[in-house]
């Protein structure tokens, strides 16, 4: 049972992280992508 709860909380954590990245990190990742493009040209 403990193993099940461990896996459940782990997957919940992953889902929360993904949601956070989708909402907050979206603009950040776009910014990083733009920076990476600039670097490729240099």
PDB file of N, CA and C in Angstrom:
ATOM      1  N   UNK A   1       0.836  -1.212   0.000  1.00  0.00           N
ATOM      2  CA  UNK A   1       0.000   0.000   0.000  1.00  0.00           C
ATOM      3  C   UNK A   1       0.870   1.263   0.000  1.00  0.00           C
ATOM      4  N   UNK A   2       1.935   1.220   0.786  1.00  0.00           N
ATOM      5  CA  UNK A   2       2.823   2.379   0.839  1.00  0.00           C
ATOM      6  C   UNK A   2       3.426   2.679  -0.526  1.00  0.00           C
ATOM      7  N   UNK A   3       3.778   1.603  -1.249  1.00  0.00           N
ATOM      8  CA  UNK A   3       4.368   1.743  -2.574  1.00  0.00           C
ATOM      9  C   UNK A   3       3.386   2.448  -3.514  1.00  0.00           C
ATOM     10  N   UNK A   4       2.120   2.076  -3.407  1.00  0.00           N
ATOM     11  CA  UNK A   4       1.074   2.656  -4.246  1.00  0.00           C
ATOM     12  C   UNK A   4       0.953   4.160  -3.991  1.00  0.00           C
ATOM     13  N   UNK A   5       0.930   4.519  -2.711  1.00  0.00           N
ATOM     14  CA  UNK A   5       0.808   5.929  -2.322  1.00  0.00           C
ATOM     15  C   UNK A   5       2.035   6.703  -2.806  1.00  0.00           C
ATOM     16  N   UNK A   6       3.203   6.063  -2.704  1.00  0.00           N
ATOM     17  CA  UNK A   6       4.447   6.689  -3.170  1.00  0.00           C
ATOM     18  C   UNK A   6       4.363   7.001  -4.656  1.00  0.00           C
ATOM     19  N   UNK A   7       3.917   6.025  -5.440  1.00  0.00           N
ATOM     20  CA  UNK A   7       3.805   6.204  -6.887  1.00  0.00           C
ATOM     21  C   UNK A   7       2.748   7.243  -7.227  1.00  0.00           C
ATOM     22  N   UNK A   8       1.650   7.230  -6.463  1.00  0.00           N
ATOM     23  CA  UNK A   8       0.565   8.174  -6.705  1.00  0.00           C
ATOM     24  C   UNK A   8       1.050   9.605  -6.483  1.00  0.00           C
ATOM     25  N   UNK A   9       1.736   9.838  -5.377  1.00  0.00           N
ATOM     26  CA  UNK A   9       2.227  11.184  -5.077  1.00  0.00           C
ATOM     27  C   UNK A   9       3.297  11.600  -6.077  1.00  0.00           C
ATOM     28  N   UNK A  10       4.087  10.622  -6.546  1.00  0.00           N
ATOM     29  CA  UNK A  10       5.123  10.925  -7.538  1.00  0.00           C
ATOM     30  C   UNK A  10       4.497  11.383  -8.850  1.00  0.00           C
ATOM     31  N   UNK A  11       3.463  10.663  -9.290  1.00  0.00           N
ATOM     32  CA  UNK A  11       2.806  11.033 -10.550  1.00  0.00           C
ATOM     33  C   UNK A  11       2.036  12.350 -10.390  1.00  0.00           C
ATOM     34  N   UNK A  12       1.466  12.572  -9.213  1.00  0.00           N
ATOM     35  CA  UNK A  12       0.785  13.848  -8.956  1.00  0.00           C
ATOM     36  C   UNK A  12       1.780  14.990  -9.038  1.00  0.00           C
ATOM     37  N   UNK A  13       2.963  14.776  -8.453  1.00  0.00           N
ATOM     38  CA  UNK A  13       4.012  15.790  -8.487  1.00  0.00           C
ATOM     39  C   UNK A  13       4.386  16.112  -9.930  1.00  0.00           C
ATOM     40  N   UNK A  14       4.517  15.084 -10.757  1.00  0.00           N
ATOM     41  CA  UNK A  14       4.869  15.263 -12.160  1.00  0.00           C
ATOM     42  C   UNK A  14       3.786  16.060 -12.879  1.00  0.00           C
ATOM     43  N   UNK A  15       2.514  15.715 -12.618  1.00  0.00           N
ATOM     44  CA  UNK A  15       1.392  16.419 -13.250  1.00  0.00           C
ATOM     45  C   UNK A  15       1.404  17.892 -12.844  1.00  0.00           C
ATOM     46  N   UNK A  16       1.631  18.139 -11.560  1.00  0.00           N
ATOM     47  CA  UNK A  16       1.669  19.522 -11.069  1.00  0.00           C
ATOM     48  C   UNK A  16       2.813  20.280 -11.726  1.00  0.00           C
ATOM     49  N   UNK A  17       3.970  19.615 -11.853  1.00  0.00           N
ATOM     50  CA  UNK A  17       5.120  20.245 -12.501  1.00  0.00           C
ATOM     51  C   UNK A  17       4.808  20.597 -13.954  1.00  0.00           C
ATOM     52  N   UNK A  18       4.162  19.660 -14.652  1.00  0.00           N
ATOM     53  CA  UNK A  18       3.819  19.881 -16.056  1.00  0.00           C
ATOM     54  C   UNK A  18       2.858  21.061 -16.178  1.00  0.00           C
ATOM     55  N   UNK A  19       1.845  21.092 -15.308  1.00  0.00           N
ATOM     56  CA  UNK A  19       0.876  22.197 -15.326  1.00  0.00           C
ATOM     57  C   UNK A  19       1.590  23.520 -15.074  1.00  0.00           C
ATOM     58  N   UNK A  20       2.501  23.514 -14.090  1.00  0.00           N
ATOM     59  CA  UNK A  20       3.250  24.723 -13.746  1.00  0.00           C
ATOM     60  C   UNK A  20       4.075  25.185 -14.939  1.00  0.00           C
ATOM     61  N   UNK A  21       4.736  24.242 -15.588  1.00  0.00           N
ATOM     62  CA  UNK A  21       5.567  24.573 -16.746  1.00  0.00           C
ATOM     63  C   UNK A  21       4.697  25.109 -17.877  1.00  0.00           C
ATOM     64  N   UNK A  22       3.524  24.485 -18.078  1.00  0.00           N
ATOM     65  CA  UNK A  22       2.619  24.934 -19.138  1.00  0.00           C
ATOM     66  C   UNK A  22       2.163  26.365 -18.893  1.00  0.00           C
ATOM     67  N   UNK A  23       1.807  26.673 -17.643  1.00  0.00           N
ATOM     68  CA  UNK A  23       1.229  27.989 -17.345  1.00  0.00           C
ATOM     69  C   UNK A  23       2.283  29.066 -17.178  1.00  0.00           C
ATOM     70  N   UNK A  24       3.232  28.826 -16.277  1.00  0.00           N
ATOM     71  CA  UNK A  24       4.205  29.860 -15.925  1.00  0.00           C
ATOM     72  C   UNK A  24       5.439  29.788 -16.811  1.00  0.00           C
ATOM     73  N   UNK A  25       5.888  28.551 -17.081  1.00  0.00           N
ATOM     74  CA  UNK A  25       7.144  28.366 -17.793  1.00  0.00           C
ATOM     75  C   UNK A  25       7.027  28.504 -19.295  1.00  0.00           C
ATOM     76  N   UNK A  26       5.808  28.697 -19.791  1.00  0.00           N
ATOM     77  CA  UNK A  26       5.621  28.771 -21.243  1.00  0.00           C
ATOM     78  C   UNK A  26       6.364  29.973 -21.816  1.00  0.00           C
ATOM     79  N   UNK A  27       6.130  31.145 -21.240  1.00  0.00           N
ATOM     80  CA  UNK A  27       6.807  32.356 -21.709  1.00  0.00           C
ATOM     81  C   UNK A  27       8.311  32.231 -21.498  1.00  0.00           C
ATOM     82  N   UNK A  28       8.690  31.591 -20.397  1.00  0.00           N
ATOM     83  CA  UNK A  28      10.107  31.423 -20.083  1.00  0.00           C
ATOM     84  C   UNK A  28      10.781  30.532 -21.115  1.00  0.00           C
ATOM     85  N   UNK A  29      10.121  29.430 -21.478  1.00  0.00           N
ATOM     86  CA  UNK A  29      10.714  28.510 -22.450  1.00  0.00           C
ATOM     87  C   UNK A  29      10.776  29.142 -23.846  1.00  0.00           C
ATOM     88  N   UNK A  30       9.784  29.974 -24.161  1.00  0.00           N
ATOM     89  CA  UNK A  30       9.814  30.693 -25.442  1.00  0.00           C
ATOM     90  C   UNK A  30      11.008  31.643 -25.454  1.00  0.00           C
ATOM     91  N   UNK A  31      11.208  32.334 -24.344  1.00  0.00           N
ATOM     92  CA  UNK A  31      12.340  33.250 -24.198  1.00  0.00           C
ATOM     93  C   UNK A  31      13.654  32.501 -24.368  1.00  0.00           C
ATOM     94  N   UNK A  32      13.763  31.335 -23.717  1.00  0.00           N
ATOM     95  CA  UNK A  32      14.974  30.514 -23.816  1.00  0.00           C
ATOM     96  C   UNK A  32      15.170  30.046 -25.254  1.00  0.00           C
ATOM     97  N   UNK A  33      14.092  29.650 -25.899  1.00  0.00           N
ATOM     98  CA  UNK A  33      14.176  29.183 -27.294  1.00  0.00           C
ATOM     99  C   UNK A  33      14.692  30.311 -28.195  1.00  0.00           C
ATOM    100  N   UNK A  34      14.188  31.519 -27.977  1.00  0.00           N
ATOM    101  CA  UNK A  34      14.643  32.666 -28.753  1.00  0.00           C
ATOM    102  C   UNK A  34      16.132  32.905 -28.531  1.00  0.00           C
ATOM    103  N   UNK A  35      16.553  32.797 -27.270  1.00  0.00           N
ATOM    104  CA  UNK A  35      17.961  32.981 -26.928  1.00  0.00           C
ATOM    105  C   UNK A  35      18.834  31.933 -27.621  1.00  0.00           C
ATOM    106  N   UNK A  36      18.327  30.676 -27.642  1.00  0.00           N
ATOM    107  CA  UNK A  36      19.083  29.587 -28.261  1.00  0.00           C
ATOM    108  C   UNK A  36      19.244  29.858 -29.757  1.00  0.00           C
ATOM    109  N   UNK A  37      18.186  30.358 -30.387  1.00  0.00           N
ATOM    110  CA  UNK A  37      18.245  30.694 -31.815  1.00  0.00           C
ATOM    111  C   UNK A  37      19.305  31.764 -32.057  1.00  0.00           C
ATOM    112  N   UNK A  38      19.297  32.802 -31.216  1.00  0.00           N
ATOM    113  CA  UNK A  38      20.282  33.882 -31.341  1.00  0.00           C
ATOM    114  C   UNK A  38      21.699  33.323 -31.240  1.00  0.00           C
ATOM    115  N   UNK A  39      21.887  32.383 -30.310  1.00  0.00           N
ATOM    116  CA  UNK A  39      23.204  31.812 -30.087  1.00  0.00           C
ATOM    117  C   UNK A  39      23.670  31.013 -31.298  1.00  0.00           C
ATOM    118  N   UNK A  40      22.726  30.313 -31.934  1.00  0.00           N
ATOM    119  CA  UNK A  40      23.073  29.501 -33.094  1.00  0.00           C
ATOM    120  C   UNK A  40      23.611  30.375 -34.226  1.00  0.00           C
ATOM    121  N   UNK A  41      23.068  31.582 -34.345  1.00  0.00           N
ATOM    122  CA  UNK A  41      23.484  32.471 -35.430  1.00  0.00           C
ATOM    123  C   UNK A  41      24.850  33.092 -35.154  1.00  0.00           C
ATOM    124  N   UNK A  42      25.205  33.211 -33.884  1.00  0.00           N
ATOM    125  CA  UNK A  42      26.496  33.830 -33.529  1.00  0.00           C
ATOM    126  C   UNK A  42      27.650  32.884 -33.817  1.00  0.00           C
TER     127      UNK A  42
END
